[in-house]
């Protein structure tokens, strides 16, 4: 298998994984918004979450987009989530620019 084919397959797999994680995150955020959990006073408990959902919540907690006020009670911080999305977009754009640059250099 050639390097190009391996990179193509790897890119497809990583893209699929990233899309799945983004969809899961969107679902969790929607769940909190729909339940009105947008402040400390309105925090809710999310029950029966799968391991991947728990993992996404822990990542969003580290970014302060989801905050825990009591044991198990969570709320969604819109401004922190907006900042996280801007940061992610900047990282994605940087990766694309670097990838294009490397492609141009090594395919001469």
PDB file of N, CA and C in Angstrom:
ATOM      1  N   UNK A   1       0.851  -1.178   0.000  1.00  0.00           N
ATOM      2  CA  UNK A   1       0.000   0.000   0.000  1.00  0.00           C
ATOM      3  C   UNK A   1       0.897   1.241   0.000  1.00  0.00           C
ATOM      4  N   UNK A   2       0.547   2.184  -0.835  1.00  0.00           N
ATOM      5  CA  UNK A   2       1.341   3.406  -0.934  1.00  0.00           C
ATOM      6  C   UNK A   2       0.993   4.369   0.190  1.00  0.00           C
ATOM      7  N   UNK A   3       1.907   5.291   0.449  1.00  0.00           N
ATOM      8  CA  UNK A   3       1.738   6.284   1.508  1.00  0.00           C
ATOM      9  C   UNK A   3       0.475   7.112   1.299  1.00  0.00           C
ATOM     10  N   UNK A   4       0.199   7.466   0.059  1.00  0.00           N
ATOM     11  CA  UNK A   4      -0.981   8.274  -0.251  1.00  0.00           C
ATOM     12  C   UNK A   4      -2.259   7.520   0.125  1.00  0.00           C
ATOM     13  N   UNK A   5      -2.288   6.233  -0.174  1.00  0.00           N
ATOM     14  CA  UNK A   5      -3.464   5.425   0.153  1.00  0.00           C
ATOM     15  C   UNK A   5      -3.651   5.304   1.662  1.00  0.00           C
ATOM     16  N   UNK A   6      -2.555   5.100   2.369  1.00  0.00           N
ATOM     17  CA  UNK A   6      -2.613   5.002   3.834  1.00  0.00           C
ATOM     18  C   UNK A   6      -3.118   6.313   4.425  1.00  0.00           C
ATOM     19  N   UNK A   7      -2.581   7.422   3.948  1.00  0.00           N
ATOM     20  CA  UNK A   7      -3.015   8.734   4.455  1.00  0.00           C
ATOM     21  C   UNK A   7      -4.479   8.997   4.124  1.00  0.00           C
ATOM     22  N   UNK A   8      -4.926   8.554   2.975  1.00  0.00           N
ATOM     23  CA  UNK A   8      -6.324   8.728   2.581  1.00  0.00           C
ATOM     24  C   UNK A   8      -7.249   7.948   3.515  1.00  0.00           C
ATOM     25  N   UNK A   9      -6.893   6.712   3.786  1.00  0.00           N
ATOM     26  CA  UNK A   9      -7.698   5.884   4.697  1.00  0.00           C
ATOM     27  C   UNK A   9      -7.680   6.469   6.102  1.00  0.00           C
ATOM     28  N   UNK A  10      -6.508   6.869   6.555  1.00  0.00           N
ATOM     29  CA  UNK A  10      -6.375   7.454   7.887  1.00  0.00           C
ATOM     30  C   UNK A  10      -7.192   8.744   8.003  1.00  0.00           C
ATOM     31  N   UNK A  11      -7.140   9.575   6.980  1.00  0.00           N
ATOM     32  CA  UNK A  11      -7.918  10.810   6.977  1.00  0.00           C
ATOM     33  C   UNK A  11      -9.411  10.545   7.048  1.00  0.00           C
ATOM     34  N   UNK A  12      -9.864   9.530   6.317  1.00  0.00           N
ATOM     35  CA  UNK A  12     -11.284   9.167   6.329  1.00  0.00           C
ATOM     36  C   UNK A  12     -11.700   8.679   7.714  1.00  0.00           C
ATOM     37  N   UNK A  13     -10.882   7.817   8.307  1.00  0.00           N
ATOM     38  CA  UNK A  13     -11.200   7.298   9.638  1.00  0.00           C
ATOM     39  C   UNK A  13     -11.223   8.406  10.693  1.00  0.00           C
ATOM     40  N   UNK A  14     -10.217   9.269  10.657  1.00  0.00           N
ATOM     41  CA  UNK A  14     -10.159  10.374  11.621  1.00  0.00           C
ATOM     42  C   UNK A  14     -11.311  11.351  11.415  1.00  0.00           C
ATOM     43  N   UNK A  15     -11.665  11.606  10.181  1.00  0.00           N
ATOM     44  CA  UNK A  15     -12.798  12.480   9.880  1.00  0.00           C
ATOM     45  C   UNK A  15     -14.104  11.897  10.401  1.00  0.00           C
ATOM     46  N   UNK A  16     -14.282  10.607  10.223  1.00  0.00           N
ATOM     47  CA  UNK A  16     -15.482   9.931  10.726  1.00  0.00           C
ATOM     48  C   UNK A  16     -15.554   9.978  12.248  1.00  0.00           C
ATOM     49  N   UNK A  17     -14.422   9.743  12.888  1.00  0.00           N
ATOM     50  CA  UNK A  17     -14.374   9.799  14.357  1.00  0.00           C
ATOM     51  C   UNK A  17     -14.699  11.203  14.853  1.00  0.00           C
ATOM     52  N   UNK A  18     -14.075  12.210  14.238  1.00  0.00           N
ATOM     53  CA  UNK A  18     -14.310  13.596  14.650  1.00  0.00           C
ATOM     54  C   UNK A  18     -15.774  13.988  14.438  1.00  0.00           C
ATOM     55  N   UNK A  19     -16.373  13.542  13.332  1.00  0.00           N
ATOM     56  CA  UNK A  19     -17.786  13.843  13.073  1.00  0.00           C
ATOM     57  C   UNK A  19     -18.687  13.198  14.118  1.00  0.00           C
ATOM     58  N   UNK A  20     -18.376  11.978  14.483  1.00  0.00           N
ATOM     59  CA  UNK A  20     -19.159  11.284  15.506  1.00  0.00           C
ATOM     60  C   UNK A  20     -19.063  11.970  16.858  1.00  0.00           C
ATOM     61  N   UNK A  21     -17.869  12.404  17.220  1.00  0.00           N
ATOM     62  CA  UNK A  21     -17.677  13.087  18.498  1.00  0.00           C
ATOM     63  C   UNK A  21     -18.383  14.452  18.503  1.00  0.00           C
ATOM     64  N   UNK A  22     -18.335  15.143  17.370  1.00  0.00           N
ATOM     65  CA  UNK A  22     -19.018  16.446  17.275  1.00  0.00           C
ATOM     66  C   UNK A  22     -20.528  16.265  17.389  1.00  0.00           C
ATOM     67  N   UNK A  23     -21.057  15.221  16.763  1.00  0.00           N
ATOM     68  CA  UNK A  23     -22.501  14.957  16.846  1.00  0.00           C
ATOM     69  C   UNK A  23     -22.909  14.606  18.275  1.00  0.00           C
ATOM     70  N   UNK A  24     -22.095  13.813  18.952  1.00  0.00           N
ATOM     71  CA  UNK A  24     -22.384  13.451  20.335  1.00  0.00           C
ATOM     72  C   UNK A  24     -22.348  14.681  21.238  1.00  0.00           C
ATOM     73  N   UNK A  25     -21.352  15.517  21.032  1.00  0.00           N
ATOM     74  CA  UNK A  25     -21.236  16.742  21.821  1.00  0.00           C
ATOM     75  C   UNK A  25     -22.440  17.653  21.588  1.00  0.00           C
ATOM     76  N   UNK A  26     -22.840  17.770  20.330  1.00  0.00           N
ATOM     77  CA  UNK A  26     -24.002  18.601  19.981  1.00  0.00           C
ATOM     78  C   UNK A  26     -25.260  18.075  20.680  1.00  0.00           C
ATOM     79  N   UNK A  27     -25.400  16.772  20.721  1.00  0.00           N
ATOM     80  CA  UNK A  27     -26.559  16.144  21.375  1.00  0.00           C
ATOM     81  C   UNK A  27     -26.562  16.443  22.879  1.00  0.00           C
ATOM     82  N   UNK A  28     -25.404  16.351  23.514  1.00  0.00           N
ATOM     83  CA  UNK A  28     -25.305  16.630  24.954  1.00  0.00           C
ATOM     84  C   UNK A  28     -25.618  18.092  25.262  1.00  0.00           C
ATOM     85  N   UNK A  29     -25.077  18.988  24.445  1.00  0.00           N
ATOM     86  CA  UNK A  29     -25.323  20.418  24.632  1.00  0.00           C
ATOM     87  C   UNK A  29     -26.808  20.721  24.438  1.00  0.00           C
ATOM     88  N   UNK A  30     -27.415  20.119  23.420  1.00  0.00           N
ATOM     89  CA  UNK A  30     -28.844  20.319  23.160  1.00  0.00           C
ATOM     90  C   UNK A  30     -29.677  19.824  24.337  1.00  0.00           C
ATOM     91  N   UNK A  31     -29.287  18.691  24.890  1.00  0.00           N
ATOM     92  CA  UNK A  31     -30.008  18.131  26.031  1.00  0.00           C
ATOM     93  C   UNK A  31     -29.990  19.104  27.215  1.00  0.00           C
ATOM     94  N   UNK A  32     -28.835  19.681  27.482  1.00  0.00           N
ATOM     95  CA  UNK A  32     -28.729  20.646  28.588  1.00  0.00           C
ATOM     96  C   UNK A  32     -29.519  21.926  28.286  1.00  0.00           C
ATOM     97  N   UNK A  33     -29.423  22.408  27.060  1.00  0.00           N
ATOM     98  CA  UNK A  33     -30.179  23.610  26.677  1.00  0.00           C
ATOM     99  C   UNK A  33     -31.684  23.359  26.774  1.00  0.00           C
ATOM    100  N   UNK A  34     -32.135  22.224  26.240  1.00  0.00           N
ATOM    101  CA  UNK A  34     -33.564  21.898  26.255  1.00  0.00           C
ATOM    102  C   UNK A  34     -34.119  21.797  27.675  1.00  0.00           C
ATOM    103  N   UNK A  35     -33.286  21.333  28.590  1.00  0.00           N
ATOM    104  CA  UNK A  35     -33.725  21.214  29.988  1.00  0.00           C
ATOM    105  C   UNK A  35     -33.535  22.516  30.754  1.00  0.00           C
ATOM    106  N   UNK A  36     -33.043  23.556  30.069  1.00  0.00           N
ATOM    107  CA  UNK A  36     -32.899  24.866  30.688  1.00  0.00           C
ATOM    108  C   UNK A  36     -31.716  25.001  31.616  1.00  0.00           C
ATOM    109  N   UNK A  37     -30.763  24.088  31.527  1.00  0.00           N
ATOM    110  CA  UNK A  37     -29.595  24.087  32.412  1.00  0.00           C
ATOM    111  C   UNK A  37     -28.536  25.048  31.898  1.00  0.00           C
ATOM    112  N   UNK A  38     -28.814  26.351  32.045  1.00  0.00           N
ATOM    113  CA  UNK A  38     -27.900  27.359  31.522  1.00  0.00           C
ATOM    114  C   UNK A  38     -27.318  28.249  32.623  1.00  0.00           C
ATOM    115  N   UNK A  39     -27.573  27.901  33.869  1.00  0.00           N
ATOM    116  CA  UNK A  39     -26.992  28.643  34.985  1.00  0.00           C
ATOM    117  C   UNK A  39     -26.872  27.710  36.190  1.00  0.00           C
ATOM    118  N   UNK A  40     -26.136  28.183  37.183  1.00  0.00           N
ATOM    119  CA  UNK A  40     -25.930  27.384  38.401  1.00  0.00           C
ATOM    120  C   UNK A  40     -27.250  26.981  39.045  1.00  0.00           C
ATOM    121  N   UNK A  41     -28.179  27.922  39.095  1.00  0.00           N
ATOM    122  CA  UNK A  41     -29.468  27.666  39.754  1.00  0.00           C
ATOM    123  C   UNK A  41     -30.326  26.659  38.987  1.00  0.00           C
ATOM    124  N   UNK A  42     -30.081  26.537  37.687  1.00  0.00           N
ATOM    125  CA  UNK A  42     -30.898  25.652  36.848  1.00  0.00           C
ATOM    126  C   UNK A  42     -30.193  24.340  36.497  1.00  0.00           C
ATOM    127  N   UNK A  43     -29.128  24.022  37.198  1.00  0.00           N
ATOM    128  CA  UNK A  43     -28.356  22.810  36.903  1.00  0.00           C
ATOM    129  C   UNK A  43     -29.237  21.567  37.015  1.00  0.00           C
ATOM    130  N   UNK A  44     -28.967  20.595  36.154  1.00  0.00           N
ATOM    131  CA  UNK A  44     -29.747  19.355  36.124  1.00  0.00           C
ATOM    132  C   UNK A  44     -28.815  18.150  36.193  1.00  0.00           C
ATOM    133  N   UNK A  45     -29.412  17.031  36.476  1.00  0.00           N
ATOM    134  CA  UNK A  45     -28.667  15.779  36.517  1.00  0.00           C
ATOM    135  C   UNK A  45     -28.971  15.001  35.240  1.00  0.00           C
ATOM    136  N   UNK A  46     -27.937  14.577  34.550  1.00  0.00           N
ATOM    137  CA  UNK A  46     -28.108  13.740  33.363  1.00  0.00           C
ATOM    138  C   UNK A  46     -27.891  12.293  33.781  1.00  0.00           C
ATOM    139  N   UNK A  47     -28.907  11.480  33.551  1.00  0.00           N
ATOM    140  CA  UNK A  47     -28.828  10.097  34.014  1.00  0.00           C
ATOM    141  C   UNK A  47     -28.612   9.131  32.862  1.00  0.00           C
ATOM    142  N   UNK A  48     -28.085   7.976  33.209  1.00  0.00           N
ATOM    143  CA  UNK A  48     -27.881   6.869  32.274  1.00  0.00           C
ATOM    144  C   UNK A  48     -27.099   7.282  31.032  1.00  0.00           C
ATOM    145  N   UNK A  49     -25.929   7.830  31.248  1.00  0.00           N
ATOM    146  CA  UNK A  49     -25.069   8.229  30.139  1.00  0.00           C
ATOM    147  C   UNK A  49     -24.093   7.112  29.793  1.00  0.00           C
ATOM    148  N   UNK A  50     -23.829   6.974  28.536  1.00  0.00           N
ATOM    149  CA  UNK A  50     -22.878   5.961  28.062  1.00  0.00           C
ATOM    150  C   UNK A  50     -21.454   6.453  28.281  1.00  0.00           C
ATOM    151  N   UNK A  51     -20.485   5.538  28.244  1.00  0.00           N
ATOM    152  CA  UNK A  51     -19.086   5.930  28.477  1.00  0.00           C
ATOM    153  C   UNK A  51     -18.576   7.042  27.555  1.00  0.00           C
ATOM    154  N   UNK A  52     -18.931   7.010  26.266  1.00  0.00           N
ATOM    155  CA  UNK A  52     -18.477   8.077  25.365  1.00  0.00           C
ATOM    156  C   UNK A  52     -19.082   9.424  25.747  1.00  0.00           C
ATOM    157  N   UNK A  53     -20.339   9.414  26.173  1.00  0.00           N
ATOM    158  CA  UNK A  53     -20.981  10.657  26.616  1.00  0.00           C
ATOM    159  C   UNK A  53     -20.297  11.195  27.867  1.00  0.00           C
ATOM    160  N   UNK A  54     -19.971  10.310  28.782  1.00  0.00           N
ATOM    161  CA  UNK A  54     -19.264  10.728  30.000  1.00  0.00           C
ATOM    162  C   UNK A  54     -17.900  11.309  29.658  1.00  0.00           C
ATOM    163  N   UNK A  55     -17.237  10.712  28.683  1.00  0.00           N
ATOM    164  CA  UNK A  55     -15.928  11.201  28.244  1.00  0.00           C
ATOM    165  C   UNK A  55     -16.060  12.594  27.637  1.00  0.00           C
ATOM    166  N   UNK A  56     -17.072  12.803  26.772  1.00  0.00           N
ATOM    167  CA  UNK A  56     -17.277  14.126  26.167  1.00  0.00           C
ATOM    168  C   UNK A  56     -17.612  15.166  27.234  1.00  0.00           C
ATOM    169  N   UNK A  57     -18.446  14.783  28.201  1.00  0.00           N
ATOM    170  CA  UNK A  57     -18.787  15.711  29.281  1.00  0.00           C
ATOM    171  C   UNK A  57     -17.535  16.090  30.060  1.00  0.00           C
ATOM    172  N   UNK A  58     -16.680  15.126  30.350  1.00  0.00           N
ATOM    173  CA  UNK A  58     -15.459  15.442  31.103  1.00  0.00           C
ATOM    174  C   UNK A  58     -14.566  16.393  30.308  1.00  0.00           C
ATOM    175  N   UNK A  59     -14.520  16.241  28.983  1.00  0.00           N
ATOM    176  CA  UNK A  59     -13.731  17.155  28.148  1.00  0.00           C
ATOM    177  C   UNK A  59     -14.343  18.556  28.147  1.00  0.00           C
ATOM    178  N   UNK A  60     -15.661  18.629  28.083  1.00  0.00           N
ATOM    179  CA  UNK A  60     -16.338  19.927  28.118  1.00  0.00           C
ATOM    180  C   UNK A  60     -16.212  20.576  29.494  1.00  0.00           C
ATOM    181  N   UNK A  61     -16.155  19.760  30.533  1.00  0.00           N
ATOM    182  CA  UNK A  61     -15.945  20.300  31.893  1.00  0.00           C
ATOM    183  C   UNK A  61     -14.551  20.906  32.006  1.00  0.00           C
ATOM    184  N   UNK A  62     -13.558  20.231  31.438  1.00  0.00           N
ATOM    185  CA  UNK A  62     -12.192  20.771  31.481  1.00  0.00           C
ATOM    186  C   UNK A  62     -12.082  22.095  30.737  1.00  0.00           C
ATOM    187  N   UNK A  63     -12.924  22.283  29.721  1.00  0.00           N
ATOM    188  CA  UNK A  63     -12.934  23.535  28.962  1.00  0.00           C
ATOM    189  C   UNK A  63     -13.898  24.552  29.577  1.00  0.00           C
ATOM    190  N   UNK A  64     -14.504  24.199  30.697  1.00  0.00           N
ATOM    191  CA  UNK A  64     -15.478  25.039  31.414  1.00  0.00           C
ATOM    192  C   UNK A  64     -16.753  25.316  30.629  1.00  0.00           C
ATOM    193  N   UNK A  65     -17.029  24.557  29.581  1.00  0.00           N
ATOM    194  CA  UNK A  65     -18.266  24.725  28.823  1.00  0.00           C
ATOM    195  C   UNK A  65     -19.435  24.072  29.557  1.00  0.00           C
ATOM    196  N   UNK A  66     -19.142  23.044  30.318  1.00  0.00           N
ATOM    197  CA  UNK A  66     -20.121  22.417  31.209  1.00  0.00           C
ATOM    198  C   UNK A  66     -19.531  22.484  32.602  1.00  0.00           C
ATOM    199  N   UNK A  67     -20.347  22.916  33.535  1.00  0.00           N
ATOM    200  CA  UNK A  67     -19.883  23.056  34.918  1.00  0.00           C
ATOM    201  C   UNK A  67     -20.740  22.211  35.842  1.00  0.00           C
ATOM    202  N   UNK A  68     -20.089  21.662  36.853  1.00  0.00           N
ATOM    203  CA  UNK A  68     -20.778  20.837  37.834  1.00  0.00           C
ATOM    204  C   UNK A  68     -20.891  21.620  39.136  1.00  0.00           C
ATOM    205  N   UNK A  69     -22.124  21.762  39.637  1.00  0.00           N
ATOM    206  CA  UNK A  69     -22.329  22.537  40.860  1.00  0.00           C
ATOM    207  C   UNK A  69     -22.465  21.648  42.084  1.00  0.00           C
ATOM    208  N   UNK A  70     -23.178  20.576  41.948  1.00  0.00           N
ATOM    209  CA  UNK A  70     -23.306  19.584  43.016  1.00  0.00           C
ATOM    210  C   UNK A  70     -22.924  18.252  42.395  1.00  0.00           C
ATOM    211  N   UNK A  71     -22.868  17.265  43.206  1.00  0.00           N
ATOM    212  CA  UNK A  71     -22.523  15.948  42.694  1.00  0.00           C
ATOM    213  C   UNK A  71     -23.533  15.514  41.628  1.00  0.00           C
ATOM    214  N   UNK A  72     -23.075  15.507  40.389  1.00  0.00           N
ATOM    215  CA  UNK A  72     -23.933  15.055  39.303  1.00  0.00           C
ATOM    216  C   UNK A  72     -24.794  16.113  38.644  1.00  0.00           C
ATOM    217  N   UNK A  73     -24.896  17.313  39.219  1.00  0.00           N
ATOM    218  CA  UNK A  73     -25.722  18.367  38.616  1.00  0.00           C
ATOM    219  C   UNK A  73     -24.845  19.251  37.734  1.00  0.00           C
ATOM    220  N   UNK A  74     -25.293  19.401  36.478  1.00  0.00           N
ATOM    221  CA  UNK A  74     -24.503  20.099  35.476  1.00  0.00           C
ATOM    222  C   UNK A  74     -25.292  21.246  34.863  1.00  0.00           C
ATOM    223  N   UNK A  75     -24.539  22.245  34.377  1.00  0.00           N
ATOM    224  CA  UNK A  75     -25.161  23.284  33.564  1.00  0.00           C
ATOM    225  C   UNK A  75     -24.203  23.687  32.458  1.00  0.00           C
ATOM    226  N   UNK A  76     -24.779  24.296  31.420  1.00  0.00           N
ATOM    227  CA  UNK A  76     -24.054  24.647  30.211  1.00  0.00           C
ATOM    228  C   UNK A  76     -23.697  26.129  30.228  1.00  0.00           C
ATOM    229  N   UNK A  77     -22.413  26.441  29.996  1.00  0.00           N
ATOM    230  CA  UNK A  77     -21.942  27.826  29.949  1.00  0.00           C
ATOM    231  C   UNK A  77     -21.725  28.214  28.485  1.00  0.00           C
ATOM    232  N   UNK A  78     -22.662  28.988  27.959  1.00  0.00           N
ATOM    233  CA  UNK A  78     -22.670  29.361  26.541  1.00  0.00           C
ATOM    234  C   UNK A  78     -21.410  30.119  26.123  1.00  0.00           C
ATOM    235  N   UNK A  79     -20.987  31.084  26.920  1.00  0.00           N
ATOM    236  CA  UNK A  79     -19.818  31.884  26.530  1.00  0.00           C
ATOM    237  C   UNK A  79     -18.536  31.046  26.525  1.00  0.00           C
ATOM    238  N   UNK A  80     -18.388  30.150  27.477  1.00  0.00           N
ATOM    239  CA  UNK A  80     -17.211  29.275  27.499  1.00  0.00           C
ATOM    240  C   UNK A  80     -17.227  28.324  26.306  1.00  0.00           C
ATOM    241  N   UNK A  81     -18.421  27.855  25.930  1.00  0.00           N
ATOM    242  CA  UNK A  81     -18.539  26.958  24.782  1.00  0.00           C
ATOM    243  C   UNK A  81     -18.196  27.698  23.488  1.00  0.00           C
ATOM    244  N   UNK A  82     -18.636  28.950  23.386  1.00  0.00           N
ATOM    245  CA  UNK A  82     -18.317  29.775  22.219  1.00  0.00           C
ATOM    246  C   UNK A  82     -16.802  29.955  22.098  1.00  0.00           C
ATOM    247  N   UNK A  83     -16.139  30.216  23.227  1.00  0.00           N
ATOM    248  CA  UNK A  83     -14.677  30.377  23.226  1.00  0.00           C
ATOM    249  C   UNK A  83     -13.989  29.077  22.820  1.00  0.00           C
ATOM    250  N   UNK A  84     -14.519  27.957  23.289  1.00  0.00           N
ATOM    251  CA  UNK A  84     -13.961  26.644  22.937  1.00  0.00           C
ATOM    252  C   UNK A  84     -14.090  26.401  21.435  1.00  0.00           C
ATOM    253  N   UNK A  85     -15.232  26.738  20.865  1.00  0.00           N
ATOM    254  CA  UNK A  85     -15.442  26.543  19.427  1.00  0.00           C
ATOM    255  C   UNK A  85     -14.502  27.424  18.603  1.00  0.00           C
ATOM    256  N   UNK A  86     -14.258  28.652  19.057  1.00  0.00           N
ATOM    257  CA  UNK A  86     -13.318  29.529  18.353  1.00  0.00           C
ATOM    258  C   UNK A  86     -11.917  28.939  18.397  1.00  0.00           C
ATOM    259  N   UNK A  87     -11.533  28.421  19.558  1.00  0.00           N
ATOM    260  CA  UNK A  87     -10.211  27.818  19.717  1.00  0.00           C
ATOM    261  C   UNK A  87     -10.070  26.605  18.793  1.00  0.00           C
ATOM    262  N   UNK A  88     -11.093  25.773  18.741  1.00  0.00           N
ATOM    263  CA  UNK A  88     -11.066  24.592  17.880  1.00  0.00           C
ATOM    264  C   UNK A  88     -10.974  24.987  16.411  1.00  0.00           C
ATOM    265  N   UNK A  89     -11.706  26.025  16.021  1.00  0.00           N
ATOM    266  CA  UNK A  89     -11.666  26.483  14.632  1.00  0.00           C
ATOM    267  C   UNK A  89     -10.268  26.965  14.269  1.00  0.00           C
ATOM    268  N   UNK A  90      -9.634  27.695  15.170  1.00  0.00           N
ATOM    269  CA  UNK A  90      -8.271  28.175  14.935  1.00  0.00           C
ATOM    270  C   UNK A  90      -7.299  27.007  14.778  1.00  0.00           C
ATOM    271  N   UNK A  91      -7.443  25.998  15.613  1.00  0.00           N
ATOM    272  CA  UNK A  91      -6.591  24.804  15.513  1.00  0.00           C
ATOM    273  C   UNK A  91      -6.815  24.106  14.174  1.00  0.00           C
ATOM    274  N   UNK A  92      -8.070  23.960  13.768  1.00  0.00           N
ATOM    275  CA  UNK A  92      -8.387  23.294  12.499  1.00  0.00           C
ATOM    276  C   UNK A  92      -7.800  24.058  11.316  1.00  0.00           C
ATOM    277  N   UNK A  93      -7.951  25.369  11.319  1.00  0.00           N
ATOM    278  CA  UNK A  93      -7.405  26.182  10.224  1.00  0.00           C
ATOM    279  C   UNK A  93      -5.884  26.062  10.185  1.00  0.00           C
ATOM    280  N   UNK A  94      -5.251  26.090  11.357  1.00  0.00           N
ATOM    281  CA  UNK A  94      -3.797  25.952  11.428  1.00  0.00           C
ATOM    282  C   UNK A  94      -3.352  24.602  10.866  1.00  0.00           C
ATOM    283  N   UNK A  95      -4.050  23.534  11.225  1.00  0.00           N
ATOM    284  CA  UNK A  95      -3.710  22.202  10.714  1.00  0.00           C
ATOM    285  C   UNK A  95      -3.872  22.121   9.199  1.00  0.00           C
ATOM    286  N   UNK A  96      -4.911  22.740   8.686  1.00  0.00           N
ATOM    287  CA  UNK A  96      -5.126  22.733   7.234  1.00  0.00           C
ATOM    288  C   UNK A  96      -4.009  23.486   6.524  1.00  0.00           C
ATOM    289  N   UNK A  97      -3.655  24.662   7.023  1.00  0.00           N
ATOM    290  CA  UNK A  97      -2.596  25.464   6.401  1.00  0.00           C
ATOM    291  C   UNK A  97      -1.265  24.713   6.439  1.00  0.00           C
ATOM    292  N   UNK A  98      -0.939  24.123   7.580  1.00  0.00           N
ATOM    293  CA  UNK A  98       0.314  23.368   7.700  1.00  0.00           C
ATOM    294  C   UNK A  98       0.297  22.162   6.765  1.00  0.00           C
ATOM    295  N   UNK A  99      -0.837  21.469   6.665  1.00  0.00           N
ATOM    296  CA  UNK A  99      -0.941  20.303   5.780  1.00  0.00           C
ATOM    297  C   UNK A  99      -0.736  20.695   4.325  1.00  0.00           C
ATOM    298  N   UNK A 100      -1.359  21.778   3.912  1.00  0.00           N
ATOM    299  CA  UNK A 100      -1.202  22.246   2.529  1.00  0.00           C
ATOM    300  C   UNK A 100       0.253  22.636   2.283  1.00  0.00           C
ATOM    301  N   UNK A 101       0.851  23.333   3.216  1.00  0.00           N
ATOM    302  CA  UNK A 101       2.253  23.731   3.102  1.00  0.00           C
ATOM    303  C   UNK A 101       3.156  22.502   2.961  1.00  0.00           C
ATOM    304  N   UNK A 102       2.955  21.494   3.813  1.00  0.00           N
ATOM    305  CA  UNK A 102       3.763  20.272   3.740  1.00  0.00           C
ATOM    306  C   UNK A 102       3.527  19.526   2.438  1.00  0.00           C
ATOM    307  N   UNK A 103       2.291  19.506   1.979  1.00  0.00           N
ATOM    308  CA  UNK A 103       1.979  18.849   0.705  1.00  0.00           C
ATOM    309  C   UNK A 103       2.730  19.516  -0.433  1.00  0.00           C
ATOM    310  N   UNK A 104       2.730  20.832  -0.457  1.00  0.00           N
ATOM    311  CA  UNK A 104       3.423  21.580  -1.520  1.00  0.00           C
ATOM    312  C   UNK A 104       4.920  21.305  -1.473  1.00  0.00           C
ATOM    313  N   UNK A 105       5.498  21.297  -0.288  1.00  0.00           N
ATOM    314  CA  UNK A 105       6.946  21.066  -0.149  1.00  0.00           C
ATOM    315  C   UNK A 105       7.340  19.674  -0.596  1.00  0.00           C
ATOM    316  N   UNK A 106       6.596  18.646  -0.174  1.00  0.00           N
ATOM    317  CA  UNK A 106       7.026  17.271  -0.424  1.00  0.00           C
ATOM    318  C   UNK A 106       6.522  16.676  -1.746  1.00  0.00           C
ATOM    319  N   UNK A 107       5.697  17.385  -2.476  1.00  0.00           N
ATOM    320  CA  UNK A 107       5.210  16.850  -3.754  1.00  0.00           C
ATOM    321  C   UNK A 107       5.752  17.607  -4.944  1.00  0.00           C
ATOM    322  N   UNK A 108       6.964  18.033  -4.853  1.00  0.00           N
ATOM    323  CA  UNK A 108       7.618  18.702  -5.990  1.00  0.00           C
ATOM    324  C   UNK A 108       8.367  17.724  -6.825  1.00  0.00           C
TER     325      UNK A 108
END
